[in-house]
Amino acid sequence: MDENRMVVTYETIFELLRREKERGALQKLEKTFYQDALEYLKERKKILVSQESMLIEPEEKRKNEKQFENIKKLLKEFYERREKKIINLAIDKSRTGSDLVDTSSLLEEEQKFFQRLVNLLGENRTDILYKLLNLEMPKPEEEKTEEKKEFVVKETAMSEEKHTLMIRFIHAVPKFIGTELEEHGPFEEEEMANLPKEIARVLIEKGRAEEIKES
């Protein structure tokens, strides 16, 4: 067996759950944890199935079935404990945009969940809070097409380090308040500017500007 793989047992799951309960930070796991946990569940299930064709005391059979259900309950609570912590990390990342938010304990499967949350929270903040601060009516979610939302998520994932967009103004835009309550503008027609991505997208959606794509 790979020395980096984790031997998952009832006791190890119980211990991992205890640590997630007692400690505020997301706890580090072996990167293969979910794969190892799945293999353990399959092994336990195989034992239960094999008992169907074996002469075994009913009490022993009930004991094994009960433990199998308890294992699944422990894993469910363990997942939900980590889920809460990941949601809080995504909120911190969305609000601050800071690279200081520690995501080193996230597994690969959790990284994807975390990034989707950050994207969704940022999109919602743009559509509601920033519009409100700019004296505009927040845009209902149902007005957006699924295709457009998927594009935004993919765009963000592909360019995590690119936080701004170069745009050209199609119409003149008066001075307005930005995402961090900073002032931008005014901008004249045909004027170009490199603005934070969230602000640039709002301007593009409103038909006030267009993106200048790199050649």
C-alpha atoms as a PDB file:
ATOM      1  CA  MET A   1       0.000   0.000   0.000  1.00  0.00           C
ATOM      2  CA  ASP A   2       1.149   3.566  -0.754  1.00  0.00           C
ATOM      3  CA  GLU A   3       2.705   4.954   2.447  1.00  0.00           C
ATOM      4  CA  ASN A   4       0.872   8.232   1.832  1.00  0.00           C
ATOM      5  CA  ARG A   5      -2.506   6.494   1.802  1.00  0.00           C
ATOM      6  CA  MET A   6      -4.605   6.581   4.944  1.00  0.00           C
ATOM      7  CA  VAL A   7      -5.900   3.435   6.618  1.00  0.00           C
ATOM      8  CA  VAL A   8      -9.517   4.354   7.321  1.00  0.00           C
ATOM      9  CA  THR A   9     -11.282   2.595  10.174  1.00  0.00           C
ATOM     10  CA  TYR A  10     -14.209   3.348  12.438  1.00  0.00           C
ATOM     11  CA  GLU A  11     -11.734   4.645  15.023  1.00  0.00           C
ATOM     12  CA  THR A  12      -9.879   6.950  12.621  1.00  0.00           C
ATOM     13  CA  ILE A  13     -13.133   8.479  11.358  1.00  0.00           C
ATOM     14  CA  PHE A  14     -14.250   9.041  14.957  1.00  0.00           C
ATOM     15  CA  GLU A  15     -10.922  10.718  15.769  1.00  0.00           C
ATOM     16  CA  LEU A  16     -11.019  12.950  12.686  1.00  0.00           C
ATOM     17  CA  LEU A  17     -14.548  14.043  13.576  1.00  0.00           C
ATOM     18  CA  ARG A  18     -13.452  14.832  17.136  1.00  0.00           C
ATOM     19  CA  ARG A  19     -10.657  17.047  15.811  1.00  0.00           C
ATOM     20  CA  GLU A  20     -13.002  18.932  13.451  1.00  0.00           C
ATOM     21  CA  LYS A  21     -15.413  19.500  16.344  1.00  0.00           C
ATOM     22  CA  GLU A  22     -12.801  20.737  18.808  1.00  0.00           C
ATOM     23  CA  ARG A  23     -10.689  22.926  16.508  1.00  0.00           C
ATOM     24  CA  GLY A  24     -11.862  26.036  14.734  1.00  0.00           C
ATOM     25  CA  ALA A  25      -9.590  25.706  11.703  1.00  0.00           C
ATOM     26  CA  LEU A  26     -10.122  23.210   8.921  1.00  0.00           C
ATOM     27  CA  GLN A  27      -7.970  20.179   9.715  1.00  0.00           C
ATOM     28  CA  LYS A  28      -5.413  18.732   7.297  1.00  0.00           C
ATOM     29  CA  LEU A  29      -6.152  15.337   5.760  1.00  0.00           C
ATOM     30  CA  GLU A  30      -4.335  12.942   3.479  1.00  0.00           C
ATOM     31  CA  LYS A  31      -5.161  13.973  -0.087  1.00  0.00           C
ATOM     32  CA  THR A  32      -6.659  10.527  -0.768  1.00  0.00           C
ATOM     33  CA  PHE A  33      -9.050  10.659   2.191  1.00  0.00           C
ATOM     34  CA  TYR A  34     -12.307  10.445   0.226  1.00  0.00           C
ATOM     35  CA  GLN A  35     -10.979   7.625  -1.938  1.00  0.00           C
ATOM     36  CA  ASP A  36      -9.771   5.742   1.141  1.00  0.00           C
ATOM     37  CA  ALA A  37     -13.087   6.306   2.940  1.00  0.00           C
ATOM     38  CA  LEU A  38     -14.977   4.990  -0.096  1.00  0.00           C
ATOM     39  CA  GLU A  39     -12.869   1.830  -0.194  1.00  0.00           C
ATOM     40  CA  TYR A  40     -13.487   1.288   3.515  1.00  0.00           C
ATOM     41  CA  LEU A  41     -17.254   1.632   3.039  1.00  0.00           C
ATOM     42  CA  LYS A  42     -17.165  -0.842   0.151  1.00  0.00           C
ATOM     43  CA  GLU A  43     -15.245  -3.341   2.283  1.00  0.00           C
ATOM     44  CA  ARG A  44     -17.760  -3.037   5.113  1.00  0.00           C
ATOM     45  CA  LYS A  45     -20.644  -3.441   2.677  1.00  0.00           C
ATOM     46  CA  LYS A  46     -19.007  -6.524   1.170  1.00  0.00           C
ATOM     47  CA  ILE A  47     -18.866  -8.085   4.635  1.00  0.00           C
ATOM     48  CA  LEU A  48     -22.582  -7.484   5.152  1.00  0.00           C
ATOM     49  CA  VAL A  49     -23.439  -8.991   1.772  1.00  0.00           C
ATOM     50  CA  SER A  50     -21.290 -12.061   2.440  1.00  0.00           C
ATOM     51  CA  GLN A  51     -23.121 -12.631   5.719  1.00  0.00           C
ATOM     52  CA  GLU A  52     -26.322 -13.266   3.797  1.00  0.00           C
ATOM     53  CA  SER A  53     -24.975 -16.637   2.667  1.00  0.00           C
ATOM     54  CA  MET A  54     -23.223 -17.514   5.915  1.00  0.00           C
ATOM     55  CA  LEU A  55     -24.443 -19.169   9.083  1.00  0.00           C
ATOM     56  CA  ILE A  56     -24.026 -16.310  11.515  1.00  0.00           C
ATOM     57  CA  GLU A  57     -25.756 -15.390  14.721  1.00  0.00           C
ATOM     58  CA  PRO A  58     -28.558 -12.824  14.188  1.00  0.00           C
ATOM     59  CA  GLU A  59     -27.129 -10.706  16.977  1.00  0.00           C
ATOM     60  CA  GLU A  60     -23.720 -10.570  15.280  1.00  0.00           C
ATOM     61  CA  LYS A  61     -25.353  -9.650  11.994  1.00  0.00           C
ATOM     62  CA  ARG A  62     -27.342  -6.816  13.602  1.00  0.00           C
ATOM     63  CA  LYS A  63     -24.175  -5.575  15.276  1.00  0.00           C
ATOM     64  CA  ASN A  64     -22.334  -5.352  11.947  1.00  0.00           C
ATOM     65  CA  GLU A  65     -25.284  -3.645  10.247  1.00  0.00           C
ATOM     66  CA  LYS A  66     -25.527  -1.143  13.102  1.00  0.00           C
ATOM     67  CA  GLN A  67     -21.823  -0.333  12.886  1.00  0.00           C
ATOM     68  CA  PHE A  68     -22.073   0.176   9.123  1.00  0.00           C
ATOM     69  CA  GLU A  69     -24.876   2.711   9.635  1.00  0.00           C
ATOM     70  CA  ASN A  70     -22.879   4.418  12.394  1.00  0.00           C
ATOM     71  CA  ILE A  71     -19.879   4.730  10.080  1.00  0.00           C
ATOM     72  CA  LYS A  72     -22.038   6.505   7.499  1.00  0.00           C
ATOM     73  CA  LYS A  73     -23.454   8.822  10.187  1.00  0.00           C
ATOM     74  CA  LEU A  74     -19.936   9.718  11.356  1.00  0.00           C
ATOM     75  CA  LEU A  75     -18.855  10.479   7.789  1.00  0.00           C
ATOM     76  CA  LYS A  76     -21.955  12.625   7.233  1.00  0.00           C
ATOM     77  CA  GLU A  77     -21.285  14.684  10.375  1.00  0.00           C
ATOM     78  CA  PHE A  78     -17.595  14.905   9.504  1.00  0.00           C
ATOM     79  CA  TYR A  79     -18.429  16.217   6.015  1.00  0.00           C
ATOM     80  CA  GLU A  80     -20.933  18.750   7.358  1.00  0.00           C
ATOM     81  CA  ARG A  81     -18.428  20.067   9.927  1.00  0.00           C
ATOM     82  CA  ARG A  82     -15.892  20.683   7.142  1.00  0.00           C
ATOM     83  CA  GLU A  83     -18.614  22.053   4.871  1.00  0.00           C
ATOM     84  CA  LYS A  84     -19.426  24.819   7.396  1.00  0.00           C
ATOM     85  CA  LYS A  85     -15.766  25.770   7.689  1.00  0.00           C
ATOM     86  CA  ILE A  86     -15.344  25.861   3.901  1.00  0.00           C
ATOM     87  CA  ILE A  87     -18.405  28.107   3.560  1.00  0.00           C
ATOM     88  CA  ASN A  88     -16.926  30.506   6.122  1.00  0.00           C
ATOM     89  CA  LEU A  89     -13.585  30.508   4.270  1.00  0.00           C
ATOM     90  CA  ALA A  90     -15.397  31.328   1.015  1.00  0.00           C
ATOM     91  CA  ILE A  91     -17.260  34.203   2.690  1.00  0.00           C
ATOM     92  CA  ASP A  92     -13.960  35.618   4.006  1.00  0.00           C
ATOM     93  CA  LYS A  93     -12.344  35.284   0.582  1.00  0.00           C
ATOM     94  CA  SER A  94     -15.319  36.877  -1.192  1.00  0.00           C
ATOM     95  CA  ARG A  95     -15.523  39.820   1.204  1.00  0.00           C
ATOM     96  CA  THR A  96     -11.825  40.606   1.432  1.00  0.00           C
ATOM     97  CA  GLY A  97     -10.371  39.234  -1.807  1.00  0.00           C
ATOM     98  CA  SER A  98      -7.328  38.506   0.316  1.00  0.00           C
ATOM     99  CA  ASP A  99      -4.771  35.837  -0.582  1.00  0.00           C
ATOM    100  CA  LEU A 100      -4.143  35.504   3.167  1.00  0.00           C
ATOM    101  CA  VAL A 101      -7.216  33.272   3.535  1.00  0.00           C
ATOM    102  CA  ASP A 102      -5.625  29.897   4.320  1.00  0.00           C
ATOM    103  CA  THR A 103      -6.911  27.196   1.974  1.00  0.00           C
ATOM    104  CA  SER A 104      -4.006  24.790   2.408  1.00  0.00           C
ATOM    105  CA  SER A 105      -6.151  22.235   4.273  1.00  0.00           C
ATOM    106  CA  LEU A 106      -8.679  21.896   1.460  1.00  0.00           C
ATOM    107  CA  LEU A 107      -8.729  18.612  -0.415  1.00  0.00           C
ATOM    108  CA  GLU A 108      -8.973  18.682  -4.202  1.00  0.00           C
ATOM    109  CA  GLU A 109     -12.701  17.903  -4.062  1.00  0.00           C
ATOM    110  CA  GLU A 110     -13.187  20.689  -1.510  1.00  0.00           C
ATOM    111  CA  GLN A 111     -11.141  23.185  -3.534  1.00  0.00           C
ATOM    112  CA  LYS A 112     -13.681  22.945  -6.356  1.00  0.00           C
ATOM    113  CA  PHE A 113     -16.555  23.489  -3.938  1.00  0.00           C
ATOM    114  CA  PHE A 114     -14.732  26.439  -2.343  1.00  0.00           C
ATOM    115  CA  GLN A 115     -14.034  28.143  -5.685  1.00  0.00           C
ATOM    116  CA  ARG A 116     -17.635  27.750  -6.834  1.00  0.00           C
ATOM    117  CA  LEU A 117     -18.800  29.376  -3.589  1.00  0.00           C
ATOM    118  CA  VAL A 118     -16.361  32.272  -3.964  1.00  0.00           C
ATOM    119  CA  ASN A 119     -17.517  32.841  -7.550  1.00  0.00           C
ATOM    120  CA  LEU A 120     -21.191  32.717  -6.597  1.00  0.00           C
ATOM    121  CA  LEU A 121     -20.768  35.029  -3.596  1.00  0.00           C
ATOM    122  CA  GLY A 122     -18.771  37.514  -5.651  1.00  0.00           C
ATOM    123  CA  GLU A 123     -21.334  37.464  -8.435  1.00  0.00           C
ATOM    124  CA  ASN A 124     -24.174  38.028  -5.989  1.00  0.00           C
ATOM    125  CA  ARG A 125     -22.279  40.865  -4.297  1.00  0.00           C
ATOM    126  CA  THR A 126     -21.823  42.545  -7.688  1.00  0.00           C
ATOM    127  CA  ASP A 127     -25.458  42.101  -8.694  1.00  0.00           C
ATOM    128  CA  ILE A 128     -26.962  43.308  -5.406  1.00  0.00           C
ATOM    129  CA  LEU A 129     -24.652  45.280  -3.101  1.00  0.00           C
ATOM    130  CA  TYR A 130     -22.575  47.153  -5.666  1.00  0.00           C
ATOM    131  CA  LYS A 131     -25.597  48.039  -7.770  1.00  0.00           C
ATOM    132  CA  LEU A 132     -27.351  49.322  -4.657  1.00  0.00           C
ATOM    133  CA  LEU A 133     -24.338  51.436  -3.657  1.00  0.00           C
ATOM    134  CA  ASN A 134     -24.345  52.907  -7.169  1.00  0.00           C
ATOM    135  CA  LEU A 135     -28.043  53.763  -6.799  1.00  0.00           C
ATOM    136  CA  GLU A 136     -29.122  51.053  -9.228  1.00  0.00           C
ATOM    137  CA  MET A 137     -31.801  48.410  -8.828  1.00  0.00           C
ATOM    138  CA  PRO A 138     -30.307  45.003  -7.930  1.00  0.00           C
ATOM    139  CA  LYS A 139     -30.660  42.539 -10.769  1.00  0.00           C
ATOM    140  CA  PRO A 140     -32.784  39.439  -9.991  1.00  0.00           C
ATOM    141  CA  GLU A 141     -30.956  36.165 -10.466  1.00  0.00           C
ATOM    142  CA  GLU A 142     -33.597  34.844 -12.837  1.00  0.00           C
ATOM    143  CA  GLU A 143     -32.784  37.554 -15.370  1.00  0.00           C
ATOM    144  CA  LYS A 144     -29.444  35.915 -16.070  1.00  0.00           C
ATOM    145  CA  THR A 145     -29.112  33.000 -18.421  1.00  0.00           C
ATOM    146  CA  GLU A 146     -27.460  29.780 -17.267  1.00  0.00           C
ATOM    147  CA  GLU A 147     -25.056  30.092 -20.151  1.00  0.00           C
ATOM    148  CA  LYS A 148     -23.842  33.457 -18.928  1.00  0.00           C
ATOM    149  CA  LYS A 149     -23.347  32.222 -15.361  1.00  0.00           C
ATOM    150  CA  GLU A 150     -21.307  29.258 -16.564  1.00  0.00           C
ATOM    151  CA  PHE A 151     -19.153  31.628 -18.614  1.00  0.00           C
ATOM    152  CA  VAL A 152     -18.446  33.808 -15.571  1.00  0.00           C
ATOM    153  CA  VAL A 153     -17.447  30.789 -13.460  1.00  0.00           C
ATOM    154  CA  LYS A 154     -15.170  29.402 -16.174  1.00  0.00           C
ATOM    155  CA  GLU A 155     -13.671  32.836 -16.845  1.00  0.00           C
ATOM    156  CA  THR A 156     -12.854  33.305 -13.161  1.00  0.00           C
ATOM    157  CA  ALA A 157     -11.367  29.825 -12.796  1.00  0.00           C
ATOM    158  CA  MET A 158      -9.168  30.296 -15.869  1.00  0.00           C
ATOM    159  CA  SER A 159      -7.837  33.673 -14.781  1.00  0.00           C
ATOM    160  CA  GLU A 160      -7.642  33.674 -11.013  1.00  0.00           C
ATOM    161  CA  GLU A 161      -4.662  35.994 -11.025  1.00  0.00           C
ATOM    162  CA  LYS A 162      -6.131  38.477 -13.478  1.00  0.00           C
ATOM    163  CA  HIS A 163      -8.202  40.843 -11.346  1.00  0.00           C
ATOM    164  CA  THR A 164      -8.786  43.620 -13.877  1.00  0.00           C
ATOM    165  CA  LEU A 165     -10.140  44.064 -17.388  1.00  0.00           C
ATOM    166  CA  MET A 166      -9.184  46.640 -20.003  1.00  0.00           C
ATOM    167  CA  ILE A 167     -12.360  48.188 -21.409  1.00  0.00           C
ATOM    168  CA  ARG A 168     -13.366  50.891 -23.903  1.00  0.00           C
ATOM    169  CA  PHE A 169     -16.317  53.116 -23.033  1.00  0.00           C
ATOM    170  CA  ILE A 170     -19.072  53.124 -25.646  1.00  0.00           C
ATOM    171  CA  HIS A 171     -20.926  55.914 -23.836  1.00  0.00           C
ATOM    172  CA  ALA A 172     -19.813  58.560 -21.373  1.00  0.00           C
ATOM    173  CA  VAL A 173     -20.105  57.440 -17.743  1.00  0.00           C
ATOM    174  CA  PRO A 174     -20.258  59.814 -14.761  1.00  0.00           C
ATOM    175  CA  LYS A 175     -18.236  59.324 -11.598  1.00  0.00           C
ATOM    176  CA  PHE A 176     -19.350  56.292  -9.550  1.00  0.00           C
ATOM    177  CA  ILE A 177     -18.443  54.319  -6.422  1.00  0.00           C
ATOM    178  CA  GLY A 178     -16.445  51.087  -6.833  1.00  0.00           C
ATOM    179  CA  THR A 179     -16.393  47.742  -5.065  1.00  0.00           C
ATOM    180  CA  GLU A 180     -14.236  49.005  -2.202  1.00  0.00           C
ATOM    181  CA  LEU A 181     -16.182  52.287  -1.974  1.00  0.00           C
ATOM    182  CA  GLU A 182     -13.490  54.016  -4.058  1.00  0.00           C
ATOM    183  CA  GLU A 183     -14.373  56.565  -6.733  1.00  0.00           C
ATOM    184  CA  HIS A 184     -13.992  55.926 -10.489  1.00  0.00           C
ATOM    185  CA  GLY A 185     -14.448  58.251 -13.422  1.00  0.00           C
ATOM    186  CA  PRO A 186     -15.919  60.186 -14.948  1.00  0.00           C
ATOM    187  CA  PHE A 187     -15.154  58.542 -18.307  1.00  0.00           C
ATOM    188  CA  GLU A 188     -15.714  59.933 -21.787  1.00  0.00           C
ATOM    189  CA  GLU A 189     -16.890  58.045 -24.863  1.00  0.00           C
ATOM    190  CA  GLU A 190     -14.034  56.032 -26.478  1.00  0.00           C
ATOM    191  CA  GLU A 191     -11.910  56.443 -23.337  1.00  0.00           C
ATOM    192  CA  MET A 192     -10.075  53.284 -22.215  1.00  0.00           C
ATOM    193  CA  ALA A 193      -9.538  52.153 -18.625  1.00  0.00           C
ATOM    194  CA  ASN A 194      -8.210  49.165 -16.737  1.00  0.00           C
ATOM    195  CA  LEU A 195     -10.811  48.521 -14.023  1.00  0.00           C
ATOM    196  CA  PRO A 196     -11.464  45.806 -11.424  1.00  0.00           C
ATOM    197  CA  LYS A 197     -13.074  42.844 -13.150  1.00  0.00           C
ATOM    198  CA  GLU A 198     -16.374  42.992 -11.223  1.00  0.00           C
ATOM    199  CA  ILE A 199     -16.899  46.658 -12.074  1.00  0.00           C
ATOM    200  CA  ALA A 200     -15.893  46.170 -15.708  1.00  0.00           C
ATOM    201  CA  ARG A 201     -18.414  43.363 -16.118  1.00  0.00           C
ATOM    202  CA  VAL A 202     -21.242  45.523 -14.768  1.00  0.00           C
ATOM    203  CA  LEU A 203     -20.373  48.267 -17.255  1.00  0.00           C
ATOM    204  CA  ILE A 204     -20.222  45.752 -20.102  1.00  0.00           C
ATOM    205  CA  GLU A 205     -23.575  44.219 -19.109  1.00  0.00           C
ATOM    206  CA  LYS A 206     -25.170  47.685 -19.081  1.00  0.00           C
ATOM    207  CA  GLY A 207     -23.902  48.340 -22.603  1.00  0.00           C
ATOM    208  CA  ARG A 208     -21.724  51.227 -21.429  1.00  0.00           C
ATOM    209  CA  ALA A 209     -18.404  49.618 -22.351  1.00  0.00           C
ATOM    210  CA  GLU A 210     -16.808  46.735 -24.213  1.00  0.00           C
ATOM    211  CA  GLU A 211     -13.857  44.559 -23.312  1.00  0.00           C
ATOM    212  CA  ILE A 212     -10.591  45.089 -25.132  1.00  0.00           C
ATOM    213  CA  LYS A 213      -9.385  41.552 -25.707  1.00  0.00           C
ATOM    214  CA  GLU A 214      -5.710  40.752 -25.887  1.00  0.00           C
ATOM    215  CA  SER A 215      -4.582  39.871 -29.395  1.00  0.00           C
END
